């Protein structure tokens, strides 16, 4: 398969034109009062959305620059899959929708997938090229950049820093850690247990400081404490399951 230089050149020219367009320029060129009125709403929607929205093509941006954001766990999942081999968006979608191990963590729809791919490409974590193929005359194939590979490896080996992320990010990390040596798998879990124990100690201290008359705050912290205790117990069971199974690679 060979890259099509002419198609790639056109694609880059389109991106360059798109990146040089701002909301203000777009509104002035359209000379539309209605558009000028709703542009602030576009900005608000985009600011609160975790993905690049349909309004991305008219949002305000500096020429030839895109805003860098820390990837979300869903974006790291894509980085991990793309790292294995260069892949077309359609094949990526098939993996996400057919592999049960991924489906129990995240659900992707087609429009969401393309929006995330566009975002992480603009942030320099992946790159694409147009190639010729057998089934399709031209298709865009994605691969990781060095920056994307480094960020994925760092994310995979770090414990999460917020309790709420145990139900999303940490489970996503475990999916990719299963292909690593068992010692590395266990090491990440042990680090996570240590962090959870610090959270637990903090919650217990804060609960002890609550006045006897404040019933509701005690109920809230009791819930958080018991949830963390259950999570720590589960993490320890994970280490036992790993030690007594063939899950993960052996050194």
C-alpha atoms as a PDB file:
ATOM      1  CA  UNK A   1       0.000   0.000   0.000  1.00  0.00           C
ATOM      2  CA  UNK A   2       1.328   3.426  -0.938  1.00  0.00           C
ATOM      3  CA  UNK A   3       0.568   6.890   0.360  1.00  0.00           C
ATOM      4  CA  UNK A   4      -1.229   9.187  -2.075  1.00  0.00           C
ATOM      5  CA  UNK A   5       0.767  12.488  -1.976  1.00  0.00           C
ATOM      6  CA  UNK A   6      -1.846  14.554  -3.810  1.00  0.00           C
ATOM      7  CA  UNK A   7      -4.649  13.519  -1.453  1.00  0.00           C
ATOM      8  CA  UNK A   8      -2.451  14.169   1.570  1.00  0.00           C
ATOM      9  CA  UNK A   9      -1.518  17.614   0.230  1.00  0.00           C
ATOM     10  CA  UNK A  10      -5.178  18.547  -0.201  1.00  0.00           C
ATOM     11  CA  UNK A  11      -5.992  17.305   3.276  1.00  0.00           C
ATOM     12  CA  UNK A  12      -3.236  19.403   4.870  1.00  0.00           C
ATOM     13  CA  UNK A  13      -4.327  22.475   2.905  1.00  0.00           C
ATOM     14  CA  UNK A  14      -7.866  22.067   4.212  1.00  0.00           C
ATOM     15  CA  UNK A  15      -6.668  21.745   7.801  1.00  0.00           C
ATOM     16  CA  UNK A  16      -4.476  24.818   7.417  1.00  0.00           C
ATOM     17  CA  UNK A  17      -7.419  26.849   6.141  1.00  0.00           C
ATOM     18  CA  UNK A  18      -9.640  25.543   8.939  1.00  0.00           C
ATOM     19  CA  UNK A  19      -7.131  26.399  11.679  1.00  0.00           C
ATOM     20  CA  UNK A  20      -6.766  29.975  10.446  1.00  0.00           C
ATOM     21  CA  UNK A  21     -10.499  30.610  10.766  1.00  0.00           C
ATOM     22  CA  UNK A  22     -11.845  32.148  13.979  1.00  0.00           C
ATOM     23  CA  UNK A  23     -15.360  32.622  15.302  1.00  0.00           C
ATOM     24  CA  UNK A  24     -15.122  36.377  14.861  1.00  0.00           C
ATOM     25  CA  UNK A  25     -13.902  36.131  11.260  1.00  0.00           C
ATOM     26  CA  UNK A  26     -16.627  33.623  10.506  1.00  0.00           C
ATOM     27  CA  UNK A  27     -19.357  35.848  11.936  1.00  0.00           C
ATOM     28  CA  UNK A  28     -18.123  38.986  10.189  1.00  0.00           C
ATOM     29  CA  UNK A  29     -17.755  37.277   6.840  1.00  0.00           C
ATOM     30  CA  UNK A  30     -21.254  35.827   7.145  1.00  0.00           C
ATOM     31  CA  UNK A  31     -22.625  39.256   8.172  1.00  0.00           C
ATOM     32  CA  UNK A  32     -25.266  37.412  10.158  1.00  0.00           C
ATOM     33  CA  UNK A  33     -26.692  39.047  13.274  1.00  0.00           C
ATOM     34  CA  UNK A  34     -28.225  35.744  14.363  1.00  0.00           C
ATOM     35  CA  UNK A  35     -24.862  33.968  14.108  1.00  0.00           C
ATOM     36  CA  UNK A  36     -23.119  36.678  16.128  1.00  0.00           C
ATOM     37  CA  UNK A  37     -25.743  36.276  18.855  1.00  0.00           C
ATOM     38  CA  UNK A  38     -25.393  32.513  19.166  1.00  0.00           C
ATOM     39  CA  UNK A  39     -21.588  32.320  18.949  1.00  0.00           C
ATOM     40  CA  UNK A  40     -21.235  32.769  22.754  1.00  0.00           C
ATOM     41  CA  UNK A  41     -23.519  29.753  23.185  1.00  0.00           C
ATOM     42  CA  UNK A  42     -21.274  27.780  20.832  1.00  0.00           C
ATOM     43  CA  UNK A  43     -18.291  28.692  23.005  1.00  0.00           C
ATOM     44  CA  UNK A  44     -20.091  27.604  26.192  1.00  0.00           C
ATOM     45  CA  UNK A  45     -21.135  24.289  24.666  1.00  0.00           C
ATOM     46  CA  UNK A  46     -17.638  23.600  23.452  1.00  0.00           C
ATOM     47  CA  UNK A  47     -16.082  24.567  26.787  1.00  0.00           C
ATOM     48  CA  UNK A  48     -18.219  22.065  28.705  1.00  0.00           C
ATOM     49  CA  UNK A  49     -18.036  19.250  26.169  1.00  0.00           C
ATOM     50  CA  UNK A  50     -15.389  16.523  26.724  1.00  0.00           C
ATOM     51  CA  UNK A  51     -15.053  16.077  22.988  1.00  0.00           C
ATOM     52  CA  UNK A  52     -14.630  18.275  19.951  1.00  0.00           C
ATOM     53  CA  UNK A  53     -18.174  19.239  19.014  1.00  0.00           C
ATOM     54  CA  UNK A  54     -19.815  19.918  15.681  1.00  0.00           C
ATOM     55  CA  UNK A  55     -19.133  23.602  16.335  1.00  0.00           C
ATOM     56  CA  UNK A  56     -15.366  22.974  16.303  1.00  0.00           C
ATOM     57  CA  UNK A  57     -14.955  24.329  12.776  1.00  0.00           C
ATOM     58  CA  UNK A  58     -16.110  27.800  13.817  1.00  0.00           C
ATOM     59  CA  UNK A  59     -14.734  28.049  17.358  1.00  0.00           C
ATOM     60  CA  UNK A  60     -12.281  30.820  18.138  1.00  0.00           C
ATOM     61  CA  UNK A  61      -8.665  29.714  17.919  1.00  0.00           C
ATOM     62  CA  UNK A  62      -5.285  31.201  17.258  1.00  0.00           C
ATOM     63  CA  UNK A  63      -3.901  30.728  13.758  1.00  0.00           C
ATOM     64  CA  UNK A  64      -2.033  27.429  13.251  1.00  0.00           C
ATOM     65  CA  UNK A  65      -2.520  26.422  16.886  1.00  0.00           C
ATOM     66  CA  UNK A  66      -4.874  24.039  18.671  1.00  0.00           C
ATOM     67  CA  UNK A  67      -5.571  23.985  22.386  1.00  0.00           C
ATOM     68  CA  UNK A  68      -3.689  21.195  24.162  1.00  0.00           C
ATOM     69  CA  UNK A  69      -5.717  19.227  26.696  1.00  0.00           C
ATOM     70  CA  UNK A  70      -4.892  16.240  28.848  1.00  0.00           C
ATOM     71  CA  UNK A  71      -6.496  13.173  27.252  1.00  0.00           C
ATOM     72  CA  UNK A  72      -9.503  11.512  28.864  1.00  0.00           C
ATOM     73  CA  UNK A  73      -9.620   7.792  29.641  1.00  0.00           C
ATOM     74  CA  UNK A  74     -11.609   7.138  26.444  1.00  0.00           C
ATOM     75  CA  UNK A  75      -8.831   8.782  24.468  1.00  0.00           C
ATOM     76  CA  UNK A  76      -6.190   6.665  26.183  1.00  0.00           C
ATOM     77  CA  UNK A  77      -8.162   3.564  25.211  1.00  0.00           C
ATOM     78  CA  UNK A  78      -7.890   4.634  21.567  1.00  0.00           C
ATOM     79  CA  UNK A  79      -4.171   5.340  21.964  1.00  0.00           C
ATOM     80  CA  UNK A  80      -3.641   1.866  23.402  1.00  0.00           C
ATOM     81  CA  UNK A  81      -5.409   0.164  20.505  1.00  0.00           C
ATOM     82  CA  UNK A  82      -3.724   2.292  17.836  1.00  0.00           C
ATOM     83  CA  UNK A  83      -0.328   1.613  19.424  1.00  0.00           C
ATOM     84  CA  UNK A  84      -0.580  -2.079  18.517  1.00  0.00           C
ATOM     85  CA  UNK A  85      -0.659  -1.296  14.797  1.00  0.00           C
ATOM     86  CA  UNK A  86      -1.694   1.484  12.361  1.00  0.00           C
ATOM     87  CA  UNK A  87      -5.439   1.223  11.916  1.00  0.00           C
ATOM     88  CA  UNK A  88      -8.350   2.649   9.915  1.00  0.00           C
ATOM     89  CA  UNK A  89     -11.243   4.262  11.831  1.00  0.00           C
ATOM     90  CA  UNK A  90     -13.679   1.608  10.577  1.00  0.00           C
ATOM     91  CA  UNK A  91     -11.503  -1.227  11.884  1.00  0.00           C
ATOM     92  CA  UNK A  92     -11.046   0.659  15.142  1.00  0.00           C
ATOM     93  CA  UNK A  93     -14.814   0.951  15.476  1.00  0.00           C
ATOM     94  CA  UNK A  94     -15.212  -2.791  14.894  1.00  0.00           C
ATOM     95  CA  UNK A  95     -12.771  -3.564  17.712  1.00  0.00           C
ATOM     96  CA  UNK A  96     -14.547  -1.218  20.115  1.00  0.00           C
ATOM     97  CA  UNK A  97     -17.973  -2.652  19.310  1.00  0.00           C
ATOM     98  CA  UNK A  98     -17.128  -6.359  19.141  1.00  0.00           C
ATOM     99  CA  UNK A  99     -14.589  -6.940  21.921  1.00  0.00           C
ATOM    100  CA  UNK A 100     -16.609  -7.686  25.043  1.00  0.00           C
ATOM    101  CA  UNK A 101     -13.732  -6.711  27.345  1.00  0.00           C
ATOM    102  CA  UNK A 102     -13.861  -3.163  25.985  1.00  0.00           C
ATOM    103  CA  UNK A 103     -17.632  -2.939  25.725  1.00  0.00           C
ATOM    104  CA  UNK A 104     -18.092  -3.506  29.467  1.00  0.00           C
ATOM    105  CA  UNK A 105     -15.853  -0.487  30.132  1.00  0.00           C
ATOM    106  CA  UNK A 106     -16.910   2.030  27.463  1.00  0.00           C
ATOM    107  CA  UNK A 107     -19.486   2.391  24.726  1.00  0.00           C
ATOM    108  CA  UNK A 108     -18.537   4.312  21.601  1.00  0.00           C
ATOM    109  CA  UNK A 109     -20.728   5.479  18.780  1.00  0.00           C
ATOM    110  CA  UNK A 110     -19.392   6.285  15.327  1.00  0.00           C
ATOM    111  CA  UNK A 111     -19.710  10.080  15.546  1.00  0.00           C
ATOM    112  CA  UNK A 112     -18.079  10.133  18.982  1.00  0.00           C
ATOM    113  CA  UNK A 113     -15.166   8.071  17.702  1.00  0.00           C
ATOM    114  CA  UNK A 114     -14.387  10.388  14.784  1.00  0.00           C
ATOM    115  CA  UNK A 115     -14.611  13.436  17.052  1.00  0.00           C
ATOM    116  CA  UNK A 116     -12.099  11.953  19.519  1.00  0.00           C
ATOM    117  CA  UNK A 117      -9.720  10.884  16.743  1.00  0.00           C
ATOM    118  CA  UNK A 118      -9.826  14.404  15.338  1.00  0.00           C
ATOM    119  CA  UNK A 119      -9.105  15.884  18.763  1.00  0.00           C
ATOM    120  CA  UNK A 120      -6.125  13.686  19.665  1.00  0.00           C
ATOM    121  CA  UNK A 121      -4.658  14.148  16.182  1.00  0.00           C
ATOM    122  CA  UNK A 122      -4.815  17.922  16.586  1.00  0.00           C
ATOM    123  CA  UNK A 123      -3.136  17.532  19.980  1.00  0.00           C
ATOM    124  CA  UNK A 124      -0.242  15.673  18.358  1.00  0.00           C
ATOM    125  CA  UNK A 125      -0.861  12.247  19.934  1.00  0.00           C
ATOM    126  CA  UNK A 126      -1.653  10.431  16.689  1.00  0.00           C
ATOM    127  CA  UNK A 127      -0.951  11.066  13.019  1.00  0.00           C
ATOM    128  CA  UNK A 128      -2.767   9.984   9.890  1.00  0.00           C
ATOM    129  CA  UNK A 129      -1.983   9.340   6.260  1.00  0.00           C
ATOM    130  CA  UNK A 130      -4.078   8.513   3.231  1.00  0.00           C
ATOM    131  CA  UNK A 131      -3.235   5.167   1.682  1.00  0.00           C
ATOM    132  CA  UNK A 132      -4.605   3.029  -1.126  1.00  0.00           C
ATOM    133  CA  UNK A 133      -6.118  -0.330  -0.268  1.00  0.00           C
ATOM    134  CA  UNK A 134      -7.888  -3.343  -1.706  1.00  0.00           C
ATOM    135  CA  UNK A 135     -11.392  -2.834  -0.303  1.00  0.00           C
ATOM    136  CA  UNK A 136     -11.370   0.974  -0.569  1.00  0.00           C
ATOM    137  CA  UNK A 137      -9.498   3.133  -3.094  1.00  0.00           C
ATOM    138  CA  UNK A 138      -8.361   5.586  -0.404  1.00  0.00           C
ATOM    139  CA  UNK A 139      -8.520   5.411   3.368  1.00  0.00           C
ATOM    140  CA  UNK A 140      -7.061   7.272   6.329  1.00  0.00           C
ATOM    141  CA  UNK A 141      -4.873   5.202   8.628  1.00  0.00           C
ATOM    142  CA  UNK A 142      -3.930   6.344  12.137  1.00  0.00           C
ATOM    143  CA  UNK A 143      -0.721   5.643  14.037  1.00  0.00           C
ATOM    144  CA  UNK A 144       0.777   6.915  17.297  1.00  0.00           C
ATOM    145  CA  UNK A 145       3.313   9.716  17.431  1.00  0.00           C
ATOM    146  CA  UNK A 146       6.261   9.470  19.826  1.00  0.00           C
ATOM    147  CA  UNK A 147       4.474  11.922  22.118  1.00  0.00           C
ATOM    148  CA  UNK A 148       1.308   9.834  22.047  1.00  0.00           C
ATOM    149  CA  UNK A 149       3.236   6.653  22.821  1.00  0.00           C
ATOM    150  CA  UNK A 150       5.057   8.266  25.750  1.00  0.00           C
ATOM    151  CA  UNK A 151       1.843   9.677  27.213  1.00  0.00           C
ATOM    152  CA  UNK A 152       0.057   6.338  26.912  1.00  0.00           C
ATOM    153  CA  UNK A 153       2.865   4.434  28.646  1.00  0.00           C
ATOM    154  CA  UNK A 154       2.985   6.975  31.457  1.00  0.00           C
ATOM    155  CA  UNK A 155      -0.794   6.861  31.923  1.00  0.00           C
ATOM    156  CA  UNK A 156      -0.884   3.065  31.919  1.00  0.00           C
ATOM    157  CA  UNK A 157       1.661   2.705  34.721  1.00  0.00           C
ATOM    158  CA  UNK A 158       0.362   5.462  37.010  1.00  0.00           C
ATOM    159  CA  UNK A 159      -2.359   4.951  39.648  1.00  0.00           C
ATOM    160  CA  UNK A 160      -5.393   7.224  39.460  1.00  0.00           C
ATOM    161  CA  UNK A 161      -5.434  10.299  41.685  1.00  0.00           C
ATOM    162  CA  UNK A 162      -9.166  10.613  42.409  1.00  0.00           C
ATOM    163  CA  UNK A 163     -11.533   8.010  43.933  1.00  0.00           C
ATOM    164  CA  UNK A 164     -14.161   8.495  41.210  1.00  0.00           C
ATOM    165  CA  UNK A 165     -11.593   7.503  38.565  1.00  0.00           C
ATOM    166  CA  UNK A 166     -11.315   3.970  39.973  1.00  0.00           C
ATOM    167  CA  UNK A 167     -14.526   3.025  38.143  1.00  0.00           C
ATOM    168  CA  UNK A 168     -13.383   4.334  34.766  1.00  0.00           C
ATOM    169  CA  UNK A 169      -9.704   5.139  34.246  1.00  0.00           C
ATOM    170  CA  UNK A 170      -8.338   2.398  36.470  1.00  0.00           C
ATOM    171  CA  UNK A 171     -10.418  -0.322  34.823  1.00  0.00           C
ATOM    172  CA  UNK A 172      -9.200   0.924  31.436  1.00  0.00           C
ATOM    173  CA  UNK A 173      -5.594   0.712  32.659  1.00  0.00           C
ATOM    174  CA  UNK A 174      -6.132  -2.895  33.779  1.00  0.00           C
ATOM    175  CA  UNK A 175      -7.306  -3.808  30.287  1.00  0.00           C
ATOM    176  CA  UNK A 176      -3.914  -2.854  28.845  1.00  0.00           C
ATOM    177  CA  UNK A 177      -1.884  -4.022  31.842  1.00  0.00           C
ATOM    178  CA  UNK A 178      -3.118  -7.571  31.271  1.00  0.00           C
ATOM    179  CA  UNK A 179      -0.651  -7.773  28.369  1.00  0.00           C
ATOM    180  CA  UNK A 180       2.269  -6.713  30.586  1.00  0.00           C
ATOM    181  CA  UNK A 181       4.410  -8.872  32.936  1.00  0.00           C
ATOM    182  CA  UNK A 182       2.584  -9.924  36.110  1.00  0.00           C
ATOM    183  CA  UNK A 183       5.091  -8.034  38.253  1.00  0.00           C
ATOM    184  CA  UNK A 184       4.221  -4.788  36.469  1.00  0.00           C
ATOM    185  CA  UNK A 185       0.494  -5.494  36.774  1.00  0.00           C
ATOM    186  CA  UNK A 186       0.841  -6.118  40.522  1.00  0.00           C
ATOM    187  CA  UNK A 187       3.063  -3.068  40.999  1.00  0.00           C
ATOM    188  CA  UNK A 188       0.429  -0.692  39.625  1.00  0.00           C
ATOM    189  CA  UNK A 189      -2.262  -2.244  41.834  1.00  0.00           C
ATOM    190  CA  UNK A 190      -0.056  -2.018  44.938  1.00  0.00           C
ATOM    191  CA  UNK A 191       0.583   1.673  44.222  1.00  0.00           C
ATOM    192  CA  UNK A 192      -3.153   2.186  43.866  1.00  0.00           C
ATOM    193  CA  UNK A 193      -3.812   0.447  47.190  1.00  0.00           C
ATOM    194  CA  UNK A 194      -1.328   2.776  48.909  1.00  0.00           C
ATOM    195  CA  UNK A 195      -3.121   5.837  47.507  1.00  0.00           C
ATOM    196  CA  UNK A 196      -6.533   4.457  48.468  1.00  0.00           C
ATOM    197  CA  UNK A 197      -5.335   3.909  52.036  1.00  0.00           C
ATOM    198  CA  UNK A 198      -4.303   7.583  52.212  1.00  0.00           C
ATOM    199  CA  UNK A 199      -7.749   8.609  50.988  1.00  0.00           C
ATOM    200  CA  UNK A 200      -9.319   6.317  53.571  1.00  0.00           C
ATOM    201  CA  UNK A 201      -7.270   7.813  56.414  1.00  0.00           C
ATOM    202  CA  UNK A 202      -8.228  11.328  55.286  1.00  0.00           C
ATOM    203  CA  UNK A 203     -11.942  10.451  55.165  1.00  0.00           C
ATOM    204  CA  UNK A 204     -11.794   8.907  58.631  1.00  0.00           C
ATOM    205  CA  UNK A 205     -10.115  12.009  60.083  1.00  0.00           C
ATOM    206  CA  UNK A 206     -12.678  14.294  58.457  1.00  0.00           C
ATOM    207  CA  UNK A 207     -15.537  12.162  59.754  1.00  0.00           C
ATOM    208  CA  UNK A 208     -14.138  12.315  63.306  1.00  0.00           C
ATOM    209  CA  UNK A 209     -14.138  16.126  63.103  1.00  0.00           C
ATOM    210  CA  UNK A 210     -17.872  16.305  62.362  1.00  0.00           C
ATOM    211  CA  UNK A 211     -20.027  17.430  65.281  1.00  0.00           C
ATOM    212  CA  UNK A 212     -22.453  14.871  66.770  1.00  0.00           C
ATOM    213  CA  UNK A 213     -25.425  17.002  65.666  1.00  0.00           C
ATOM    214  CA  UNK A 214     -24.402  16.866  61.951  1.00  0.00           C
ATOM    215  CA  UNK A 215     -25.961  13.593  60.912  1.00  0.00           C
ATOM    216  CA  UNK A 216     -25.960  14.002  57.134  1.00  0.00           C
ATOM    217  CA  UNK A 217     -22.198  14.717  56.730  1.00  0.00           C
ATOM    218  CA  UNK A 218     -21.508  11.611  58.805  1.00  0.00           C
ATOM    219  CA  UNK A 219     -23.718   9.545  56.509  1.00  0.00           C
ATOM    220  CA  UNK A 220     -21.847  10.892  53.443  1.00  0.00           C
ATOM    221  CA  UNK A 221     -18.384  10.183  54.847  1.00  0.00           C
ATOM    222  CA  UNK A 222     -19.490   6.774  56.091  1.00  0.00           C
ATOM    223  CA  UNK A 223     -20.537   5.952  52.546  1.00  0.00           C
ATOM    224  CA  UNK A 224     -17.180   7.127  51.161  1.00  0.00           C
ATOM    225  CA  UNK A 225     -15.246   5.192  53.790  1.00  0.00           C
ATOM    226  CA  UNK A 226     -17.113   1.945  53.198  1.00  0.00           C
ATOM    227  CA  UNK A 227     -16.804   2.366  49.414  1.00  0.00           C
ATOM    228  CA  UNK A 228     -13.029   2.798  49.702  1.00  0.00           C
ATOM    229  CA  UNK A 229     -12.725  -0.162  52.068  1.00  0.00           C
ATOM    230  CA  UNK A 230     -14.554  -2.304  49.506  1.00  0.00           C
ATOM    231  CA  UNK A 231     -12.324  -0.987  46.713  1.00  0.00           C
ATOM    232  CA  UNK A 232      -9.136  -1.751  48.648  1.00  0.00           C
ATOM    233  CA  UNK A 233     -10.424  -5.262  49.348  1.00  0.00           C
ATOM    234  CA  UNK A 234     -11.149  -5.732  45.625  1.00  0.00           C
ATOM    235  CA  UNK A 235      -7.665  -4.493  44.654  1.00  0.00           C
ATOM    236  CA  UNK A 236      -6.059  -7.003  47.008  1.00  0.00           C
ATOM    237  CA  UNK A 237      -8.192  -9.760  45.526  1.00  0.00           C
ATOM    238  CA  UNK A 238      -6.966  -8.697  42.081  1.00  0.00           C
ATOM    239  CA  UNK A 239      -3.372  -9.326  43.156  1.00  0.00           C
ATOM    240  CA  UNK A 240      -4.350 -12.772  44.458  1.00  0.00           C
ATOM    241  CA  UNK A 241      -6.170 -13.600  41.222  1.00  0.00           C
ATOM    242  CA  UNK A 242      -3.175 -12.518  39.166  1.00  0.00           C
ATOM    243  CA  UNK A 243      -0.796 -14.612  41.268  1.00  0.00           C
ATOM    244  CA  UNK A 244      -2.986 -17.715  40.948  1.00  0.00           C
ATOM    245  CA  UNK A 245      -3.727 -17.450  37.237  1.00  0.00           C
ATOM    246  CA  UNK A 246      -2.085 -16.971  33.856  1.00  0.00           C
ATOM    247  CA  UNK A 247      -3.456 -13.455  33.600  1.00  0.00           C
ATOM    248  CA  UNK A 248      -0.678 -11.215  32.327  1.00  0.00           C
ATOM    249  CA  UNK A 249       2.691 -12.267  30.984  1.00  0.00           C
ATOM    250  CA  UNK A 250       5.194 -14.131  33.056  1.00  0.00           C
ATOM    251  CA  UNK A 251       8.738 -12.804  33.292  1.00  0.00           C
END
